[in-house]
Amino acid sequence: MASIHSSLASELRERAPIHEILDRALAGARLSDADAIALIECSDGDLDAMLSAAGELRDRGKGRGVTYSRKVFCRLLIFAAIDVPIARFAKILATRVRGR
């Protein structure tokens, strides 16, 4: 177990700049644990670039379309019968969707 921690510690010391990590991610490379930690700990100055790259990767994988599940919406309607604050929102929304 100590070797895993010392290996990760050495990777952290040799951490690549954020832009290099993002370039590799956008090229389809698998990122290391040290890369993931670097992204989590990125500075405010690197945050826009990281979010932009994350959005691009999401769009490549999932596209820009928005989907929903009728089953999830039905569950919200069931909760609407219960006196719960989120259920009140769902009940109002369901009423507007049905046009009543």
Protein backbone atom coordinates (compact mmCIF):
# COMPACT_ATOMS: atom_id res chain seq x y z
CA MET A 1 0.00 0.00 0.00
CA ALA A 2 2.86 2.37 0.73
CA SER A 3 4.14 1.97 -2.82
CA ILE A 4 0.81 3.21 -4.19
CA HIS A 5 0.98 6.32 -2.02
CA SER A 6 4.63 7.01 -2.84
CA SER A 7 3.91 6.50 -6.54
CA LEU A 8 1.03 8.98 -6.40
CA ALA A 9 3.17 11.43 -4.43
CA SER A 10 5.89 11.32 -7.08
CA GLU A 11 3.27 11.82 -9.80
CA LEU A 12 1.95 14.86 -7.94
CA ARG A 13 5.43 16.37 -7.82
CA GLU A 14 5.74 15.92 -11.59
CA ARG A 15 2.27 17.32 -12.29
CA ALA A 16 1.72 18.64 -15.81
CA PRO A 17 0.29 22.11 -16.39
CA ILE A 18 -3.51 22.15 -16.62
CA HIS A 19 -3.54 23.03 -20.32
CA GLU A 20 -1.45 19.96 -21.12
CA ILE A 21 -3.80 17.72 -19.12
CA LEU A 22 -6.82 19.21 -20.90
CA ASP A 23 -5.18 18.76 -24.31
CA ARG A 24 -4.57 15.08 -23.54
CA ALA A 25 -8.15 14.64 -22.33
CA LEU A 26 -9.52 16.27 -25.48
CA ALA A 27 -7.30 13.99 -27.57
CA GLY A 28 -8.93 10.98 -25.90
CA ALA A 29 -6.10 9.97 -23.58
CA ARG A 30 -6.85 8.33 -20.26
CA LEU A 31 -5.85 10.65 -17.43
CA SER A 32 -3.83 9.53 -14.42
CA ASP A 33 -4.83 9.93 -10.78
CA ALA A 34 -2.35 12.81 -10.54
CA ASP A 35 -4.02 14.48 -13.54
CA ALA A 36 -7.42 14.15 -11.88
CA ILE A 37 -6.10 15.67 -8.66
CA ALA A 38 -4.52 18.53 -10.62
CA LEU A 39 -7.86 19.25 -12.28
CA ILE A 40 -9.68 19.18 -8.95
CA GLU A 41 -7.15 21.55 -7.45
CA CYS A 42 -6.85 23.86 -10.48
CA SER A 43 -6.58 27.58 -9.89
CA ASP A 44 -9.36 30.03 -10.62
CA GLY A 45 -7.41 31.12 -13.69
CA ASP A 46 -7.60 27.60 -15.15
CA LEU A 47 -11.24 27.00 -14.25
CA ASP A 48 -12.73 28.47 -17.46
CA ALA A 49 -10.46 26.30 -19.63
CA MET A 50 -11.31 23.21 -17.61
CA LEU A 51 -15.07 23.85 -17.79
CA SER A 52 -14.84 24.51 -21.52
CA ALA A 53 -12.99 21.23 -22.08
CA ALA A 54 -15.50 19.37 -19.88
CA GLY A 55 -18.37 20.82 -21.91
CA GLU A 56 -16.75 19.78 -25.17
CA LEU A 57 -16.16 16.24 -23.91
CA ARG A 58 -19.78 16.03 -22.67
CA ASP A 59 -21.07 17.21 -26.06
CA ARG A 60 -18.96 14.62 -27.87
CA GLY A 61 -20.26 11.84 -25.65
CA LYS A 62 -23.87 12.85 -25.10
CA GLY A 63 -24.61 15.57 -27.64
CA ARG A 64 -26.50 18.79 -27.01
CA GLY A 65 -29.98 17.27 -26.92
CA VAL A 66 -32.06 17.35 -23.78
CA THR A 67 -34.02 14.26 -22.83
CA TYR A 68 -36.44 13.37 -20.09
CA SER A 69 -38.09 10.29 -18.73
CA ARG A 70 -41.86 10.13 -18.42
CA LYS A 71 -41.40 7.59 -15.64
CA VAL A 72 -39.45 10.09 -13.55
CA PHE A 73 -42.11 12.73 -14.17
CA CYS A 74 -44.81 10.24 -13.12
CA ARG A 75 -42.96 9.67 -9.87
CA LEU A 76 -42.99 13.42 -9.28
CA LEU A 77 -46.75 13.41 -9.84
CA ILE A 78 -47.12 10.65 -7.27
CA PHE A 79 -45.13 12.74 -4.81
CA ALA A 80 -47.44 15.64 -5.66
CA ALA A 81 -50.20 13.83 -3.82
CA ILE A 82 -48.07 13.99 -0.68
CA ASP A 83 -47.79 17.29 1.20
CA VAL A 84 -44.08 17.89 0.57
CA PRO A 85 -42.64 21.24 -0.65
CA ILE A 86 -40.97 19.70 -3.74
CA ALA A 87 -44.21 17.90 -4.47
CA ARG A 88 -46.05 21.22 -4.53
CA PHE A 89 -43.67 22.43 -7.23
CA ALA A 90 -44.22 19.22 -9.22
CA LYS A 91 -47.99 19.54 -8.89
CA ILE A 92 -47.94 23.15 -10.14
CA LEU A 93 -45.67 22.13 -13.01
CA ALA A 94 -47.89 19.18 -13.93
CA THR A 95 -50.96 21.41 -13.94
CA ARG A 96 -49.27 23.88 -16.28
CA VAL A 97 -48.06 21.11 -18.60
CA ARG A 98 -51.58 19.67 -18.85
CA GLY A 99 -52.97 23.18 -19.40
CA ARG A 100 -55.49 23.16 -16.58
